[in-house]
Amino acid sequence: MRVIFMGTPDFSVPVLDALIAAGHEIAAVYCQPPRPAGRGKKERPTPVHARALALGLDVRHPVSLKGADEQQAFAALNADVAVVVAYGLILPQIILDAPKRGCLNIHASLLPRWRGAAPIHRAILAGDAETGVCIMQMEAGLDTGPVLLREAITIGAEETTGVLHDRLSAMGARLVCDALDQLDDLAAEVQSEDGVTYASKIDKAEAQVNWNQSATQIDRQIRGLSPFPGAWTLLGGVRVKLLASRVVSGAGAVGQALDDSLTIACEQGAIQVIRAQKAGKGAQDAQEFLRGTPVPKGTQFGQG
């Protein structure tokens, strides 16, 4: 098929690669514009932009698709279908209607659960046992369109958003290629109005750990916010991100280290930190972290 690809972050890159490997013609790639990044605030292309340039594809990054010129340029591509995955712009109806077979969206949840911006984070934060990918026919509402294909996977007990992100990205790449192969034969499943939840964008204010919660809640927070923005606590007045953890048995004063191996008491139960990152340093596994920053039993977390 002649495909317009619309995506921006790392999650979208394997999808672009898979479409090309499957033999589809990429008419153009749409992504978000380059943004200032790094210490020098030099404009940096998005991951999809960089990959598309490396592949020699036509890359477009309009700030909006509401103007008549952009809409005419999009329609002039004469595409069979648009594949949209984490693009970042609202698509007006005229854009949705332009490709002959419409626009297909790859959404990283089991719709109608977790419509919206941060479905992978929210699934872990909520303690969901499973999640998955839906290939959806796009319409004007927020992730409300009929589902053409869906596939579920179990969320691992110690899985972080980062790891789950990569698994779902690969799944989405495979599933959308399956959908394009079977497009004439797929029955669109209208989403139920029961079980609708919204995955609001992650706010950095959610990242500070409150040790007056259960170990289960804190473990979900740590895994759900890893690697970004990273759940954090204070250790000797220094901010430390907690990037991986597990729930363990143990009890003691809330926020105190129960041993010298980063086991920390919560309001109910305890967690063991598996990976951490001190401010200004790189992420480290617990053993490596402790070699540089010993945390003896009785150390209090969360205090300046």
Protein backbone atom coordinates (compact mmCIF):
# COMPACT_ATOMS: atom_id res chain seq x y z
CA MET A 1 0.00 0.00 0.00
CA ARG A 2 0.94 3.64 -0.36
CA VAL A 3 1.21 4.77 3.27
CA ILE A 4 1.55 8.11 5.03
CA PHE A 5 3.36 7.45 8.32
CA MET A 6 2.67 9.76 11.26
CA GLY A 7 4.69 9.33 14.47
CA THR A 8 7.25 11.09 16.61
CA PRO A 9 8.99 9.31 19.55
CA ASP A 10 11.09 6.15 19.93
CA PHE A 11 7.92 4.08 20.27
CA SER A 12 7.05 4.84 16.64
CA VAL A 13 10.38 3.98 15.00
CA PRO A 14 10.01 0.15 14.89
CA VAL A 15 6.61 0.65 13.23
CA LEU A 16 8.15 2.68 10.40
CA ASP A 17 10.85 0.04 9.93
CA ALA A 18 8.28 -2.76 9.90
CA LEU A 19 6.12 -1.05 7.26
CA ILE A 20 9.14 -0.69 4.97
CA ALA A 21 10.24 -4.29 5.60
CA ALA A 22 6.72 -5.46 4.69
CA GLY A 23 7.05 -3.78 1.29
CA HIS A 24 4.74 -0.81 1.76
CA GLU A 25 5.53 2.44 -0.03
CA ILE A 26 6.03 5.35 2.38
CA ALA A 27 4.59 8.42 0.63
CA ALA A 28 5.75 10.77 3.39
CA VAL A 29 6.61 10.80 7.09
CA TYR A 30 4.91 13.31 9.39
CA CYS A 31 6.39 14.01 12.83
CA GLN A 32 6.72 16.77 15.40
CA PRO A 33 9.19 19.59 14.57
CA PRO A 34 12.75 19.55 15.96
CA ARG A 35 12.92 21.01 19.46
CA PRO A 36 15.74 22.56 21.53
CA ALA A 37 17.46 19.88 23.61
CA GLY A 38 20.62 19.33 25.63
CA ARG A 39 22.78 21.86 27.38
CA GLY A 40 23.30 23.93 24.26
CA LYS A 41 19.56 23.95 23.49
CA LYS A 42 20.37 23.07 19.90
CA GLU A 43 17.39 21.93 17.86
CA ARG A 44 17.27 18.16 17.74
CA PRO A 45 15.14 16.11 15.34
CA THR A 46 12.70 13.65 16.88
CA PRO A 47 13.54 9.91 16.74
CA VAL A 48 11.16 9.36 13.81
CA HIS A 49 12.55 12.38 11.96
CA ALA A 50 16.11 11.10 12.36
CA ARG A 51 15.20 7.58 11.24
CA ALA A 52 13.21 8.82 8.24
CA LEU A 53 16.09 11.00 7.09
CA ALA A 54 18.47 8.04 7.39
CA LEU A 55 16.07 6.06 5.19
CA GLY A 56 15.90 8.86 2.62
CA LEU A 57 12.19 9.48 3.11
CA ASP A 58 10.21 12.68 2.61
CA VAL A 59 9.85 14.20 6.12
CA ARG A 60 7.27 16.83 7.03
CA HIS A 61 6.85 18.45 10.44
CA PRO A 62 4.09 21.07 10.37
CA VAL A 63 3.17 22.75 13.65
CA SER A 64 -0.50 22.28 12.75
CA LEU A 65 -2.67 20.44 10.25
CA LYS A 66 -5.52 22.94 10.44
CA GLY A 67 -4.40 25.14 7.54
CA ALA A 68 -5.74 24.65 4.03
CA ASP A 69 -2.24 24.47 2.49
CA GLU A 70 -1.15 21.64 4.79
CA GLN A 71 -4.40 19.80 4.22
CA GLN A 72 -4.06 20.09 0.44
CA ALA A 73 -0.44 18.89 0.60
CA PHE A 74 -1.54 15.88 2.66
CA ALA A 75 -4.35 15.00 0.26
CA ALA A 76 -2.03 15.40 -2.73
CA LEU A 77 0.03 12.45 -1.48
CA ASN A 78 -2.81 10.25 -2.74
CA ALA A 79 -2.25 7.66 -0.02
CA ASP A 80 -4.13 4.41 0.45
CA VAL A 81 -3.91 4.71 4.23
CA ALA A 82 -2.22 6.68 7.02
CA VAL A 83 -0.63 4.81 9.93
CA VAL A 84 -0.56 6.94 13.08
CA VAL A 85 1.36 6.08 16.24
CA ALA A 86 2.17 8.60 18.99
CA TYR A 87 2.17 11.47 16.49
CA GLY A 88 1.27 14.30 18.86
CA LEU A 89 -1.14 16.42 16.83
CA ILE A 90 -4.93 16.31 16.58
CA LEU A 91 -5.98 15.23 13.09
CA PRO A 92 -8.86 17.30 11.65
CA GLN A 93 -11.67 15.39 9.94
CA ILE A 94 -10.46 16.45 6.50
CA ILE A 95 -7.10 14.77 7.24
CA LEU A 96 -8.79 11.63 8.59
CA ASP A 97 -10.84 11.40 5.40
CA ALA A 98 -8.01 12.05 2.92
CA PRO A 99 -6.44 8.57 2.54
CA LYS A 100 -8.60 6.09 0.58
CA ARG A 101 -8.77 3.67 3.55
CA GLY A 102 -8.67 6.32 6.27
CA CYS A 103 -6.22 6.52 9.18
CA LEU A 104 -5.22 3.59 11.39
CA ASN A 105 -3.92 4.28 14.88
CA ILE A 106 -1.70 1.99 16.95
CA HIS A 107 -2.74 2.44 20.58
CA ALA A 108 -0.84 0.81 23.45
CA SER A 109 -3.75 -0.36 25.58
CA LEU A 110 -6.76 -2.65 25.48
CA LEU A 111 -9.37 -0.09 24.50
CA PRO A 112 -11.63 1.32 25.84
CA ARG A 113 -9.34 1.14 28.90
CA TRP A 114 -6.67 3.84 28.94
CA ARG A 115 -7.64 6.13 26.12
CA GLY A 116 -5.31 9.11 25.93
CA ALA A 117 -1.72 10.17 26.31
CA ALA A 118 0.02 7.80 28.75
CA PRO A 119 -1.55 4.33 28.56
CA ILE A 120 1.62 2.35 29.34
CA HIS A 121 2.45 4.36 32.47
CA ARG A 122 -1.14 4.27 33.70
CA ALA A 123 -1.52 0.52 33.27
CA ILE A 124 1.45 -0.14 35.57
CA LEU A 125 0.50 2.60 38.03
CA ALA A 126 -2.97 1.08 38.34
CA GLY A 127 -1.62 -2.43 38.87
CA ASP A 128 -3.22 -3.87 35.73
CA ALA A 129 -2.43 -7.55 35.18
CA GLU A 130 -2.40 -7.17 31.41
CA THR A 131 -2.33 -4.62 28.63
CA GLY A 132 -1.83 -4.81 24.89
CA VAL A 133 -2.16 -3.09 21.53
CA CYS A 134 -5.21 -2.11 19.52
CA ILE A 135 -5.24 -1.18 15.84
CA MET A 136 -8.03 1.36 15.62
CA GLN A 137 -9.80 3.11 12.74
CA MET A 138 -9.43 6.75 13.69
CA GLU A 139 -12.34 9.12 14.13
CA ALA A 140 -12.67 12.61 15.62
CA GLY A 141 -12.99 11.48 19.28
CA LEU A 142 -10.03 10.73 21.55
CA ASP A 143 -9.19 7.06 20.87
CA THR A 144 -12.88 6.27 20.38
CA GLY A 145 -12.73 4.64 16.95
CA PRO A 146 -13.65 1.04 16.14
CA VAL A 147 -10.96 -1.58 16.77
CA LEU A 148 -9.78 -3.74 13.87
CA LEU A 149 -7.24 -5.92 15.72
CA ARG A 150 -6.21 -6.33 19.34
CA GLU A 151 -3.68 -8.44 21.21
CA ALA A 152 -3.09 -8.73 24.95
CA ILE A 153 0.07 -9.40 26.96
CA THR A 154 0.71 -9.96 30.66
CA ILE A 155 2.51 -7.22 32.60
CA GLY A 156 5.46 -8.71 34.49
CA ALA A 157 5.62 -8.37 38.28
CA GLU A 158 8.84 -6.33 38.07
CA GLU A 159 8.27 -4.77 34.64
CA THR A 160 8.91 -1.05 34.18
CA THR A 161 7.25 1.31 31.73
CA GLY A 162 10.50 1.35 29.73
CA VAL A 163 10.56 -2.42 29.24
CA LEU A 164 6.83 -2.66 28.56
CA HIS A 165 7.12 0.26 26.11
CA ASP A 166 9.59 -1.69 23.98
CA ARG A 167 7.49 -4.87 24.02
CA LEU A 168 4.35 -2.99 22.98
CA SER A 169 6.19 -1.06 20.27
CA ALA A 170 7.34 -4.31 18.67
CA MET A 171 3.85 -5.76 19.03
CA GLY A 172 2.27 -2.68 17.42
CA ALA A 173 4.69 -2.86 14.48
CA ARG A 174 3.76 -6.49 13.83
CA LEU A 175 0.04 -6.00 14.39
CA VAL A 176 -0.37 -3.01 12.05
CA CYS A 177 1.34 -4.92 9.25
CA ASP A 178 -1.11 -7.80 9.89
CA ALA A 179 -3.99 -5.31 9.77
CA LEU A 180 -2.87 -3.87 6.44
CA ASP A 181 -2.54 -7.38 4.98
CA GLN A 182 -6.06 -8.29 6.12
CA LEU A 183 -7.75 -4.92 5.77
CA ASP A 184 -10.50 -6.07 3.42
CA ASP A 185 -11.45 -8.92 5.75
CA LEU A 186 -11.33 -7.25 9.17
CA ALA A 187 -14.55 -6.48 11.02
CA ALA A 188 -14.48 -3.21 12.94
CA GLU A 189 -15.45 -3.70 16.59
CA VAL A 190 -17.24 -0.68 18.06
CA GLN A 191 -15.79 0.16 21.47
CA SER A 192 -17.97 -0.50 24.50
CA GLU A 193 -19.03 2.42 26.64
CA ASP A 194 -18.35 0.25 29.69
CA GLY A 195 -14.86 0.25 31.15
CA VAL A 196 -13.73 3.55 29.62
CA THR A 197 -10.75 5.08 31.45
CA TYR A 198 -8.46 7.95 30.49
CA ALA A 199 -4.67 7.87 30.66
CA SER A 200 -3.86 11.48 31.46
CA LYS A 201 -0.40 12.81 30.71
CA ILE A 202 2.14 12.11 33.46
CA ASP A 203 2.77 15.12 35.69
CA LYS A 204 6.19 15.44 37.31
CA ALA A 205 4.37 16.23 40.56
CA GLU A 206 3.38 12.54 40.67
CA ALA A 207 7.00 11.45 40.92
CA GLN A 208 7.90 12.15 44.58
CA VAL A 209 7.63 9.01 46.70
CA ASN A 210 5.45 9.23 49.79
CA TRP A 211 6.64 6.43 52.05
CA ASN A 212 3.34 6.58 53.96
CA GLN A 213 1.81 4.31 51.34
CA SER A 214 1.77 0.55 50.92
CA ALA A 215 4.71 -1.24 49.35
CA THR A 216 2.42 -2.26 46.48
CA GLN A 217 1.53 1.37 45.68
CA ILE A 218 5.13 2.57 45.87
CA ASP A 219 6.41 -0.32 43.77
CA ARG A 220 3.84 0.52 41.06
CA GLN A 221 4.86 4.18 41.20
CA ILE A 222 8.55 3.32 40.80
CA ARG A 223 8.01 0.91 37.92
CA GLY A 224 5.30 3.00 36.27
CA LEU A 225 7.43 6.16 36.17
CA SER A 226 10.64 4.46 35.01
CA PRO A 227 12.59 5.66 33.16
CA PHE A 228 10.75 8.99 32.86
CA PRO A 229 10.13 11.09 34.82
CA GLY A 230 11.47 8.70 37.47
CA ALA A 231 10.01 8.32 40.96
CA TRP A 232 12.30 10.05 43.42
CA THR A 233 13.08 10.45 47.09
CA LEU A 234 15.65 12.32 49.15
CA LEU A 235 18.68 10.55 50.57
CA GLY A 236 20.79 12.76 52.80
CA GLY A 237 19.28 15.82 51.14
CA VAL A 238 20.18 14.59 47.63
CA ARG A 239 17.50 13.60 45.15
CA VAL A 240 17.68 9.95 44.08
CA LYS A 241 15.53 8.44 41.36
CA LEU A 242 14.27 4.93 42.02
CA LEU A 243 14.03 3.18 38.65
CA ALA A 244 13.22 -0.46 39.44
CA SER A 245 11.94 -2.28 42.50
CA ARG A 246 10.19 -5.32 43.91
CA VAL A 247 7.83 -5.85 46.85
CA VAL A 248 9.48 -7.83 49.68
CA SER A 249 8.56 -8.85 53.21
CA GLY A 250 9.66 -6.58 56.01
CA ALA A 251 8.45 -3.95 58.45
CA GLY A 252 9.90 -1.02 60.31
CA ALA A 253 9.82 2.74 60.67
CA VAL A 254 8.32 4.25 57.51
CA GLY A 255 11.00 5.28 55.00
CA GLN A 256 13.87 3.61 56.85
CA ALA A 257 16.38 1.20 55.36
CA LEU A 258 15.80 -2.26 56.86
CA ASP A 259 19.22 -3.55 55.81
CA ASP A 260 22.22 -2.36 53.80
CA SER A 261 20.76 -3.61 50.48
CA LEU A 262 18.23 -0.84 49.72
CA THR A 263 15.26 -2.53 51.37
CA ILE A 264 12.99 0.28 52.58
CA ALA A 265 10.01 0.10 54.93
CA CYS A 266 6.68 1.44 53.71
CA GLU A 267 3.43 2.09 55.56
CA GLN A 268 2.56 -1.51 54.78
CA GLY A 269 5.34 -3.91 53.79
CA ALA A 270 8.63 -3.01 52.16
CA ILE A 271 10.25 -2.60 48.78
CA GLN A 272 13.74 -3.42 47.58
CA VAL A 273 15.21 -0.95 45.10
CA ILE A 274 16.85 -2.74 42.17
CA ARG A 275 18.05 0.28 40.17
CA ALA A 276 18.66 3.89 41.19
CA GLN A 277 20.12 7.14 39.94
CA LYS A 278 21.69 9.87 42.04
CA ALA A 279 21.22 13.47 40.87
CA GLY A 280 23.84 14.31 38.26
CA LYS A 281 24.87 10.67 37.82
CA GLY A 282 23.92 7.83 35.52
CA ALA A 283 21.46 5.07 36.38
CA GLN A 284 23.02 2.14 38.26
CA ASP A 285 22.03 -1.31 39.44
CA ALA A 286 21.62 -1.47 43.22
CA GLN A 287 24.97 -3.14 43.94
CA GLU A 288 26.87 -0.59 41.85
CA PHE A 289 24.93 2.28 43.44
CA LEU A 290 25.73 1.03 46.95
CA ARG A 291 29.44 0.80 46.21
CA GLY A 292 29.50 4.54 45.59
CA THR A 293 26.76 5.48 48.07
CA PRO A 294 26.54 3.09 51.04
CA VAL A 295 23.09 3.05 52.64
CA PRO A 296 23.40 1.38 56.06
CA LYS A 297 20.49 -0.05 57.99
CA GLY A 298 18.47 2.70 59.70
CA THR A 299 19.11 5.32 57.00
CA GLN A 300 16.06 7.54 56.60
CA PHE A 301 14.72 8.26 53.12
CA GLY A 302 12.57 11.24 52.22
CA GLN A 303 14.22 13.83 54.48
CA GLY A 304 16.23 16.86 53.39
